Amino acid sequence: MSLNDRVKKITRGYLGSVKLSDVMFAEVTKVNPLEVNADQRLPLDEDFLIIPEHMTEYKIMVGAQEVTVRRGLEVGDKVILIRQQGGLNFVIVGRLTE
């Protein structure tokens, strides 16, 4: 076995043992507290989710009327998750459109 083949074998073994980041899809099953069901088999609650500001509700007052600028997550929303490398936390990166 050549040195090049040995390096490839070691690299494949290492990458196979390391938990790299994964992209997953999930559906929001509860809102308060937030819970999603990832890949139809893995329920994740707020303890495991990182929710960026752009995925939260934002309202402003315009005169005497409250206007929703950005809606938060709702039950049934389909979202994209990225699992942090080697970790148990998932970042919600966006919402899928129908």
PDB file of N, CA and C in Angstrom:
ATOM      1  N   MET A   1       0.862  -1.180   0.000  1.00  0.00           N
ATOM      2  CA  MET A   1       0.000   0.000   0.000  1.00  0.00           C
ATOM      3  C   MET A   1       0.903   1.236   0.000  1.00  0.00           C
ATOM      4  N   SER A   2       0.615   2.138  -0.914  1.00  0.00           N
ATOM      5  CA  SER A   2       1.437   3.344  -1.034  1.00  0.00           C
ATOM      6  C   SER A   2       1.123   4.324   0.097  1.00  0.00           C
ATOM      7  N   LEU A   3       1.992   5.292   0.280  1.00  0.00           N
ATOM      8  CA  LEU A   3       1.786   6.329   1.292  1.00  0.00           C
ATOM      9  C   LEU A   3       0.503   7.098   1.008  1.00  0.00           C
ATOM     10  N   ASN A   4       0.255   7.384  -0.256  1.00  0.00           N
ATOM     11  CA  ASN A   4      -0.950   8.112  -0.660  1.00  0.00           C
ATOM     12  C   ASN A   4      -2.205   7.327  -0.254  1.00  0.00           C
ATOM     13  N   ASP A   5      -2.204   6.008  -0.502  1.00  0.00           N
ATOM     14  CA  ASP A   5      -3.349   5.173  -0.132  1.00  0.00           C
ATOM     15  C   ASP A   5      -3.540   5.121   1.385  1.00  0.00           C
ATOM     16  N   ARG A   6      -2.451   5.085   2.118  1.00  0.00           N
ATOM     17  CA  ARG A   6      -2.532   5.072   3.592  1.00  0.00           C
ATOM     18  C   ARG A   6      -3.135   6.372   4.117  1.00  0.00           C
ATOM     19  N   VAL A   7      -2.692   7.491   3.551  1.00  0.00           N
ATOM     20  CA  VAL A   7      -3.233   8.790   3.962  1.00  0.00           C
ATOM     21  C   VAL A   7      -4.728   8.845   3.662  1.00  0.00           C
ATOM     22  N   LYS A   8      -5.145   8.366   2.495  1.00  0.00           N
ATOM     23  CA  LYS A   8      -6.567   8.354   2.141  1.00  0.00           C
ATOM     24  C   LYS A   8      -7.356   7.488   3.124  1.00  0.00           C
ATOM     25  N   LYS A   9      -6.813   6.331   3.476  1.00  0.00           N
ATOM     26  CA  LYS A   9      -7.496   5.428   4.399  1.00  0.00           C
ATOM     27  C   LYS A   9      -7.645   6.061   5.780  1.00  0.00           C
ATOM     28  N   ILE A  10      -6.590   6.689   6.252  1.00  0.00           N
ATOM     29  CA  ILE A  10      -6.636   7.363   7.555  1.00  0.00           C
ATOM     30  C   ILE A  10      -7.640   8.504   7.521  1.00  0.00           C
ATOM     31  N   THR A  11      -7.628   9.268   6.436  1.00  0.00           N
ATOM     32  CA  THR A  11      -8.556  10.403   6.301  1.00  0.00           C
ATOM     33  C   THR A  11      -9.994   9.914   6.276  1.00  0.00           C
ATOM     34  N   ARG A  12     -10.299   8.876   5.509  1.00  0.00           N
ATOM     35  CA  ARG A  12     -11.661   8.324   5.460  1.00  0.00           C
ATOM     36  C   ARG A  12     -12.098   7.834   6.845  1.00  0.00           C
ATOM     37  N   GLY A  13     -11.199   7.171   7.546  1.00  0.00           N
ATOM     38  CA  GLY A  13     -11.519   6.697   8.888  1.00  0.00           C
ATOM     39  C   GLY A  13     -11.815   7.833   9.839  1.00  0.00           C
ATOM     40  N   TYR A  14     -11.026   8.895   9.761  1.00  0.00           N
ATOM     41  CA  TYR A  14     -11.233  10.053  10.619  1.00  0.00           C
ATOM     42  C   TYR A  14     -12.558  10.735  10.300  1.00  0.00           C
ATOM     43  N   LEU A  15     -12.812  10.978   9.020  1.00  0.00           N
ATOM     44  CA  LEU A  15     -14.050  11.659   8.638  1.00  0.00           C
ATOM     45  C   LEU A  15     -15.274  10.818   8.974  1.00  0.00           C
ATOM     46  N   GLY A  16     -15.131   9.502   8.936  1.00  0.00           N
ATOM     47  CA  GLY A  16     -16.238   8.637   9.303  1.00  0.00           C
ATOM     48  C   GLY A  16     -16.544   8.679  10.787  1.00  0.00           C
ATOM     49  N   SER A  17     -15.550   8.986  11.596  1.00  0.00           N
ATOM     50  CA  SER A  17     -15.752   9.003  13.047  1.00  0.00           C
ATOM     51  C   SER A  17     -16.159  10.373  13.579  1.00  0.00           C
ATOM     52  N   VAL A  18     -15.955  11.421  12.788  1.00  0.00           N
ATOM     53  CA  VAL A  18     -16.286  12.782  13.211  1.00  0.00           C
ATOM     54  C   VAL A  18     -17.704  13.105  12.765  1.00  0.00           C
ATOM     55  N   LYS A  19     -18.463  13.739  13.644  1.00  0.00           N
ATOM     56  CA  LYS A  19     -19.816  14.148  13.281  1.00  0.00           C
ATOM     57  C   LYS A  19     -19.747  15.529  12.642  1.00  0.00           C
ATOM     58  N   LEU A  20     -19.792  15.533  11.325  1.00  0.00           N
ATOM     59  CA  LEU A  20     -19.768  16.801  10.602  1.00  0.00           C
ATOM     60  C   LEU A  20     -21.150  17.432  10.618  1.00  0.00           C
ATOM     61  N   SER A  21     -21.235  18.660  10.216  1.00  0.00           N
ATOM     62  CA  SER A  21     -22.517  19.347  10.154  1.00  0.00           C
ATOM     63  C   SER A  21     -23.434  18.655   9.154  1.00  0.00           C
ATOM     64  N   ASP A  22     -24.707  18.605   9.500  1.00  0.00           N
ATOM     65  CA  ASP A  22     -25.715  18.006   8.629  1.00  0.00           C
ATOM     66  C   ASP A  22     -26.805  19.027   8.366  1.00  0.00           C
ATOM     67  N   VAL A  23     -27.366  18.971   7.162  1.00  0.00           N
ATOM     68  CA  VAL A  23     -28.551  19.748   6.845  1.00  0.00           C
ATOM     69  C   VAL A  23     -29.734  18.809   7.001  1.00  0.00           C
ATOM     70  N   MET A  24     -30.740  19.268   7.741  1.00  0.00           N
ATOM     71  CA  MET A  24     -31.930  18.457   7.979  1.00  0.00           C
ATOM     72  C   MET A  24     -33.163  19.320   7.746  1.00  0.00           C
ATOM     73  N   PHE A  25     -34.266  18.647   7.522  1.00  0.00           N
ATOM     74  CA  PHE A  25     -35.539  19.341   7.382  1.00  0.00           C
ATOM     75  C   PHE A  25     -36.434  18.935   8.545  1.00  0.00           C
ATOM     76  N   ALA A  26     -37.254  19.879   8.988  1.00  0.00           N
ATOM     77  CA  ALA A  26     -38.102  19.617  10.150  1.00  0.00           C
ATOM     78  C   ALA A  26     -39.433  20.325   9.984  1.00  0.00           C
ATOM     79  N   GLU A  27     -40.376  19.915  10.807  1.00  0.00           N
ATOM     80  CA  GLU A  27     -41.686  20.567  10.845  1.00  0.00           C
ATOM     81  C   GLU A  27     -41.948  21.030  12.266  1.00  0.00           C
ATOM     82  N   VAL A  28     -42.454  22.247  12.397  1.00  0.00           N
ATOM     83  CA  VAL A  28     -42.786  22.786  13.719  1.00  0.00           C
ATOM     84  C   VAL A  28     -44.020  22.054  14.240  1.00  0.00           C
ATOM     85  N   THR A  29     -43.897  21.443  15.423  1.00  0.00           N
ATOM     86  CA  THR A  29     -45.017  20.702  16.012  1.00  0.00           C
ATOM     87  C   THR A  29     -45.641  21.438  17.196  1.00  0.00           C
ATOM     88  N   LYS A  30     -44.868  22.304  17.859  1.00  0.00           N
ATOM     89  CA  LYS A  30     -45.370  23.137  18.955  1.00  0.00           C
ATOM     90  C   LYS A  30     -44.677  24.483  18.892  1.00  0.00           C
ATOM     91  N   VAL A  31     -45.362  25.503  19.385  1.00  0.00           N
ATOM     92  CA  VAL A  31     -44.785  26.843  19.327  1.00  0.00           C
ATOM     93  C   VAL A  31     -44.316  27.327  20.691  1.00  0.00           C
ATOM     94  N   ASN A  32     -45.080  27.079  21.736  1.00  0.00           N
ATOM     95  CA  ASN A  32     -44.704  27.599  23.036  1.00  0.00           C
ATOM     96  C   ASN A  32     -44.789  26.509  24.083  1.00  0.00           C
ATOM     97  N   PRO A  33     -43.701  25.845  24.418  1.00  0.00           N
ATOM     98  CA  PRO A  33     -42.332  26.057  23.942  1.00  0.00           C
ATOM     99  C   PRO A  33     -42.145  25.449  22.549  1.00  0.00           C
ATOM    100  N   LEU A  34     -41.186  26.000  21.814  1.00  0.00           N
ATOM    101  CA  LEU A  34     -40.948  25.568  20.443  1.00  0.00           C
ATOM    102  C   LEU A  34     -40.448  24.129  20.415  1.00  0.00           C
ATOM    103  N   GLU A  35     -41.035  23.358  19.503  1.00  0.00           N
ATOM    104  CA  GLU A  35     -40.582  21.986  19.271  1.00  0.00           C
ATOM    105  C   GLU A  35     -40.726  21.685  17.789  1.00  0.00           C
ATOM    106  N   VAL A  36     -39.718  21.036  17.228  1.00  0.00           N
ATOM    107  CA  VAL A  36     -39.771  20.626  15.825  1.00  0.00           C
ATOM    108  C   VAL A  36     -39.520  19.127  15.752  1.00  0.00           C
ATOM    109  N   ASN A  37     -40.001  18.528  14.686  1.00  0.00           N
ATOM    110  CA  ASN A  37     -39.784  17.113  14.440  1.00  0.00           C
ATOM    111  C   ASN A  37     -38.882  17.011  13.211  1.00  0.00           C
ATOM    112  N   ALA A  38     -37.623  16.645  13.419  1.00  0.00           N
ATOM    113  CA  ALA A  38     -36.639  16.617  12.338  1.00  0.00           C
ATOM    114  C   ALA A  38     -36.658  15.267  11.635  1.00  0.00           C
ATOM    115  N   ASP A  39     -36.672  15.318  10.324  1.00  0.00           N
ATOM    116  CA  ASP A  39     -36.645  14.107   9.493  1.00  0.00           C
ATOM    117  C   ASP A  39     -37.684  13.078   9.926  1.00  0.00           C
ATOM    118  N   GLN A  40     -38.830  13.535  10.389  1.00  0.00           N
ATOM    119  CA  GLN A  40     -39.984  12.712  10.770  1.00  0.00           C
ATOM    120  C   GLN A  40     -39.685  11.696  11.869  1.00  0.00           C
ATOM    121  N   ARG A  41     -38.573  11.863  12.602  1.00  0.00           N
ATOM    122  CA  ARG A  41     -38.248  10.869  13.619  1.00  0.00           C
ATOM    123  C   ARG A  41     -37.578  11.439  14.852  1.00  0.00           C
ATOM    124  N   LEU A  42     -37.130  12.671  14.797  1.00  0.00           N
ATOM    125  CA  LEU A  42     -36.320  13.213  15.882  1.00  0.00           C
ATOM    126  C   LEU A  42     -36.959  14.490  16.436  1.00  0.00           C
ATOM    127  N   PRO A  43     -37.685  14.397  17.573  1.00  0.00           N
ATOM    128  CA  PRO A  43     -38.258  15.612  18.162  1.00  0.00           C
ATOM    129  C   PRO A  43     -37.169  16.429  18.866  1.00  0.00           C
ATOM    130  N   LEU A  44     -37.146  17.712  18.585  1.00  0.00           N
ATOM    131  CA  LEU A  44     -36.165  18.619  19.191  1.00  0.00           C
ATOM    132  C   LEU A  44     -36.912  19.772  19.842  1.00  0.00           C
ATOM    133  N   ASP A  45     -36.575  20.067  21.104  1.00  0.00           N
ATOM    134  CA  ASP A  45     -37.202  21.206  21.761  1.00  0.00           C
ATOM    135  C   ASP A  45     -36.222  22.378  21.828  1.00  0.00           C
ATOM    136  N   GLU A  46     -36.649  23.455  22.471  1.00  0.00           N
ATOM    137  CA  GLU A  46     -35.862  24.696  22.516  1.00  0.00           C
ATOM    138  C   GLU A  46     -34.460  24.506  23.082  1.00  0.00           C
ATOM    139  N   ASP A  47     -34.277  23.487  23.920  1.00  0.00           N
ATOM    140  CA  ASP A  47     -32.953  23.252  24.506  1.00  0.00           C
ATOM    141  C   ASP A  47     -31.913  22.905  23.441  1.00  0.00           C
ATOM    142  N   PHE A  48     -32.357  22.370  22.317  1.00  0.00           N
ATOM    143  CA  PHE A  48     -31.445  21.938  21.263  1.00  0.00           C
ATOM    144  C   PHE A  48     -31.464  22.862  20.042  1.00  0.00           C
ATOM    145  N   LEU A  49     -32.316  23.883  20.063  1.00  0.00           N
ATOM    146  CA  LEU A  49     -32.500  24.742  18.893  1.00  0.00           C
ATOM    147  C   LEU A  49     -31.897  26.122  19.112  1.00  0.00           C
ATOM    148  N   ILE A  50     -31.243  26.615  18.081  1.00  0.00           N
ATOM    149  CA  ILE A  50     -30.763  27.996  18.058  1.00  0.00           C
ATOM    150  C   ILE A  50     -31.650  28.725  17.062  1.00  0.00           C
ATOM    151  N   ILE A  51     -32.353  29.733  17.554  1.00  0.00           N
ATOM    152  CA  ILE A  51     -33.345  30.417  16.733  1.00  0.00           C
ATOM    153  C   ILE A  51     -32.850  31.828  16.417  1.00  0.00           C
ATOM    154  N   PRO A  52     -32.487  32.096  15.171  1.00  0.00           N
ATOM    155  CA  PRO A  52     -32.010  33.437  14.825  1.00  0.00           C
ATOM    156  C   PRO A  52     -33.155  34.449  14.854  1.00  0.00           C
ATOM    157  N   GLU A  53     -32.783  35.684  14.992  1.00  0.00           N
ATOM    158  CA  GLU A  53     -33.772  36.760  15.108  1.00  0.00           C
ATOM    159  C   GLU A  53     -34.743  36.789  13.938  1.00  0.00           C
ATOM    160  N   HIS A  54     -34.270  36.521  12.729  1.00  0.00           N
ATOM    161  CA  HIS A  54     -35.154  36.625  11.569  1.00  0.00           C
ATOM    162  C   HIS A  54     -36.244  35.552  11.538  1.00  0.00           C
ATOM    163  N   MET A  55     -36.191  34.596  12.472  1.00  0.00           N
ATOM    164  CA  MET A  55     -37.227  33.568  12.559  1.00  0.00           C
ATOM    165  C   MET A  55     -38.215  33.843  13.694  1.00  0.00           C
ATOM    166  N   THR A  56     -38.079  34.992  14.344  1.00  0.00           N
ATOM    167  CA  THR A  56     -38.962  35.343  15.454  1.00  0.00           C
ATOM    168  C   THR A  56     -39.953  36.413  15.021  1.00  0.00           C
ATOM    169  N   GLU A  57     -41.046  36.503  15.760  1.00  0.00           N
ATOM    170  CA  GLU A  57     -42.073  37.504  15.441  1.00  0.00           C
ATOM    171  C   GLU A  57     -41.573  38.909  15.767  1.00  0.00           C
ATOM    172  N   TYR A  58     -41.939  39.848  14.897  1.00  0.00           N
ATOM    173  CA  TYR A  58     -41.559  41.244  15.119  1.00  0.00           C
ATOM    174  C   TYR A  58     -42.741  42.116  14.734  1.00  0.00           C
ATOM    175  N   LYS A  59     -43.219  42.918  15.684  1.00  0.00           N
ATOM    176  CA  LYS A  59     -44.357  43.813  15.456  1.00  0.00           C
ATOM    177  C   LYS A  59     -43.961  45.233  15.789  1.00  0.00           C
ATOM    178  N   ILE A  60     -44.573  46.171  15.102  1.00  0.00           N
ATOM    179  CA  ILE A  60     -44.363  47.585  15.385  1.00  0.00           C
ATOM    180  C   ILE A  60     -45.715  48.287  15.445  1.00  0.00           C
ATOM    181  N   MET A  61     -45.716  49.445  16.062  1.00  0.00           N
ATOM    182  CA  MET A  61     -46.923  50.265  16.105  1.00  0.00           C
ATOM    183  C   MET A  61     -46.845  51.314  15.000  1.00  0.00           C
ATOM    184  N   VAL A  62     -47.872  51.376  14.185  1.00  0.00           N
ATOM    185  CA  VAL A  62     -47.997  52.401  13.155  1.00  0.00           C
ATOM    186  C   VAL A  62     -49.252  53.183  13.511  1.00  0.00           C
ATOM    187  N   GLY A  63     -49.031  54.373  14.050  1.00  0.00           N
ATOM    188  CA  GLY A  63     -50.154  55.124  14.596  1.00  0.00           C
ATOM    189  C   GLY A  63     -50.708  54.360  15.785  1.00  0.00           C
ATOM    190  N   ALA A  64     -52.002  54.046  15.731  1.00  0.00           N
ATOM    191  CA  ALA A  64     -52.624  53.297  16.821  1.00  0.00           C
ATOM    192  C   ALA A  64     -52.770  51.817  16.477  1.00  0.00           C
ATOM    193  N   GLN A  65     -52.227  51.416  15.337  1.00  0.00           N
ATOM    194  CA  GLN A  65     -52.392  50.032  14.886  1.00  0.00           C
ATOM    195  C   GLN A  65     -51.087  49.239  14.985  1.00  0.00           C
ATOM    196  N   GLU A  66     -51.192  48.026  15.489  1.00  0.00           N
ATOM    197  CA  GLU A  66     -50.035  47.141  15.560  1.00  0.00           C
ATOM    198  C   GLU A  66     -49.913  46.389  14.230  1.00  0.00           C
ATOM    199  N   VAL A  67     -48.721  46.426  13.642  1.00  0.00           N
ATOM    200  CA  VAL A  67     -48.484  45.797  12.341  1.00  0.00           C
ATOM    201  C   VAL A  67     -47.406  44.727  12.505  1.00  0.00           C
ATOM    202  N   THR A  68     -47.688  43.540  11.970  1.00  0.00           N
ATOM    203  CA  THR A  68     -46.705  42.463  11.998  1.00  0.00           C
ATOM    204  C   THR A  68     -45.748  42.645  10.835  1.00  0.00           C
ATOM    205  N   VAL A  69     -44.484  42.874  11.156  1.00  0.00           N
ATOM    206  CA  VAL A  69     -43.445  43.027  10.140  1.00  0.00           C
ATOM    207  C   VAL A  69     -42.917  41.654   9.736  1.00  0.00           C
ATOM    208  N   ARG A  70     -42.790  40.788  10.716  1.00  0.00           N
ATOM    209  CA  ARG A  70     -42.226  39.461  10.461  1.00  0.00           C
ATOM    210  C   ARG A  70     -42.934  38.481  11.398  1.00  0.00           C
ATOM    211  N   ARG A  71     -43.490  37.431  10.807  1.00  0.00           N
ATOM    212  CA  ARG A  71     -44.174  36.445  11.656  1.00  0.00           C
ATOM    213  C   ARG A  71     -43.174  35.437  12.202  1.00  0.00           C
ATOM    214  N   GLY A  72     -43.463  34.930  13.357  1.00  0.00           N
ATOM    215  CA  GLY A  72     -42.617  33.899  13.952  1.00  0.00           C
ATOM    216  C   GLY A  72     -42.968  32.532  13.400  1.00  0.00           C
ATOM    217  N   LEU A  73     -42.369  31.533  13.955  1.00  0.00           N
ATOM    218  CA  LEU A  73     -42.658  30.170  13.520  1.00  0.00           C
ATOM    219  C   LEU A  73     -44.039  29.756  13.999  1.00  0.00           C
ATOM    220  N   GLU A  74     -44.730  28.978  13.158  1.00  0.00           N
ATOM    221  CA  GLU A  74     -46.063  28.501  13.482  1.00  0.00           C
ATOM    222  C   GLU A  74     -46.120  26.996  13.285  1.00  0.00           C
ATOM    223  N   VAL A  75     -47.048  26.343  13.978  1.00  0.00           N
ATOM    224  CA  VAL A  75     -47.222  24.900  13.828  1.00  0.00           C
ATOM    225  C   VAL A  75     -47.478  24.589  12.359  1.00  0.00           C
ATOM    226  N   GLY A  76     -46.755  23.606  11.852  1.00  0.00           N
ATOM    227  CA  GLY A  76     -46.894  23.211  10.454  1.00  0.00           C
ATOM    228  C   GLY A  76     -45.833  23.791   9.542  1.00  0.00           C
ATOM    229  N   ASP A  77     -45.122  24.828  10.016  1.00  0.00           N
ATOM    230  CA  ASP A  77     -44.043  25.395   9.201  1.00  0.00           C
ATOM    231  C   ASP A  77     -42.969  24.346   8.959  1.00  0.00           C
ATOM    232  N   LYS A  78     -42.460  24.322   7.746  1.00  0.00           N
ATOM    233  CA  LYS A  78     -41.329  23.452   7.412  1.00  0.00           C
ATOM    234  C   LYS A  78     -40.078  24.316   7.490  1.00  0.00           C
ATOM    235  N   VAL A  79     -39.056  23.833   8.206  1.00  0.00           N
ATOM    236  CA  VAL A  79     -37.835  24.613   8.408  1.00  0.00           C
ATOM    237  C   VAL A  79     -36.602  23.813   8.005  1.00  0.00           C
ATOM    238  N   ILE A  80     -35.517  24.543   7.765  1.00  0.00           N
ATOM    239  CA  ILE A  80     -34.229  23.946   7.449  1.00  0.00           C
ATOM    240  C   ILE A  80     -33.352  24.064   8.690  1.00  0.00           C
ATOM    241  N   LEU A  81     -32.737  22.956   9.083  1.00  0.00           N
ATOM    242  CA  LEU A  81     -31.861  22.931  10.251  1.00  0.00           C
ATOM    243  C   LEU A  81     -30.442  22.571   9.815  1.00  0.00           C
ATOM    244  N   ILE A  82     -29.480  23.130  10.506  1.00  0.00           N
ATOM    245  CA  ILE A  82     -28.097  22.692  10.351  1.00  0.00           C
ATOM    246  C   ILE A  82     -27.613  22.280  11.734  1.00  0.00           C
ATOM    247  N   ARG A  83     -27.155  21.029  11.823  1.00  0.00           N
ATOM    248  CA  ARG A  83     -26.613  20.547  13.098  1.00  0.00           C
ATOM    249  C   ARG A  83     -25.187  21.046  13.230  1.00  0.00           C
ATOM    250  N   GLN A  84     -24.864  21.599  14.393  1.00  0.00           N
ATOM    251  CA  GLN A  84     -23.510  22.066  14.642  1.00  0.00           C
ATOM    252  C   GLN A  84     -22.563  20.877  14.632  1.00  0.00           C
ATOM    253  N   GLN A  85     -21.391  21.094  14.115  1.00  0.00           N
ATOM    254  CA  GLN A  85     -20.402  20.027  14.008  1.00  0.00           C
ATOM    255  C   GLN A  85     -20.127  19.406  15.369  1.00  0.00           C
ATOM    256  N   GLY A  86     -20.307  18.094  15.455  1.00  0.00           N
ATOM    257  CA  GLY A  86     -20.002  17.360  16.672  1.00  0.00           C
ATOM    258  C   GLY A  86     -20.904  17.670  17.838  1.00  0.00           C
ATOM    259  N   GLY A  87     -21.966  18.402  17.618  1.00  0.00           N
ATOM    260  CA  GLY A  87     -22.790  18.804  18.745  1.00  0.00           C
ATOM    261  C   GLY A  87     -24.216  18.337  18.653  1.00  0.00           C
ATOM    262  N   LEU A  88     -24.985  18.745  19.642  1.00  0.00           N
ATOM    263  CA  LEU A  88     -26.395  18.392  19.694  1.00  0.00           C
ATOM    264  C   LEU A  88     -27.293  19.585  19.409  1.00  0.00           C
ATOM    265  N   ASN A  89     -26.712  20.720  19.071  1.00  0.00           N
ATOM    266  CA  ASN A  89     -27.506  21.904  18.790  1.00  0.00           C
ATOM    267  C   ASN A  89     -27.793  22.024  17.302  1.00  0.00           C
ATOM    268  N   PHE A  90     -28.960  22.563  17.001  1.00  0.00           N
ATOM    269  CA  PHE A  90     -29.404  22.733  15.627  1.00  0.00           C
ATOM    270  C   PHE A  90     -29.778  24.191  15.411  1.00  0.00           C
ATOM    271  N   VAL A  91     -29.298  24.775  14.338  1.00  0.00           N
ATOM    272  CA  VAL A  91     -29.623  26.154  13.986  1.00  0.00           C
ATOM    273  C   VAL A  91     -30.754  26.131  12.966  1.00  0.00           C
ATOM    274  N   ILE A  92     -31.819  26.856  13.242  1.00  0.00           N
ATOM    275  CA  ILE A  92     -32.892  27.005  12.259  1.00  0.00           C
ATOM    276  C   ILE A  92     -32.450  28.099  11.301  1.00  0.00           C
ATOM    277  N   VAL A  93     -32.189  27.732  10.060  1.00  0.00           N
ATOM    278  CA  VAL A  93     -31.645  28.717   9.122  1.00  0.00           C
ATOM    279  C   VAL A  93     -32.696  29.337   8.220  1.00  0.00           C
ATOM    280  N   GLY A  94     -33.832  28.702   8.100  1.00  0.00           N
ATOM    281  CA  GLY A  94     -34.860  29.286   7.257  1.00  0.00           C
ATOM    282  C   GLY A  94     -36.128  28.468   7.242  1.00  0.00           C
ATOM    283  N   ARG A  95     -37.121  29.048   6.588  1.00  0.00           N
ATOM    284  CA  ARG A  95     -38.435  28.427   6.464  1.00  0.00           C
ATOM    285  C   ARG A  95     -38.626  28.057   4.999  1.00  0.00           C
ATOM    286  N   LEU A  96     -39.165  26.876   4.745  1.00  0.00           N
ATOM    287  CA  LEU A  96     -39.436  26.444   3.371  1.00  0.00           C
ATOM    288  C   LEU A  96     -40.762  27.001   2.913  1.00  0.00           C
ATOM    289  N   THR A  97     -40.854  27.326   1.655  1.00  0.00           N
ATOM    290  CA  THR A  97     -42.116  27.791   1.099  1.00  0.00           C
ATOM    291  C   THR A  97     -42.836  26.606   0.466  1.00  0.00           C
ATOM    292  N   GLU A  98     -44.109  26.730   0.361  1.00  0.00           N
ATOM    293  CA  GLU A  98     -44.925  25.642  -0.223  1.00  0.00           C
ATOM    294  C   GLU A  98     -44.684  25.510  -1.693  1.00  0.00           C
TER     295      GLU A  98
END
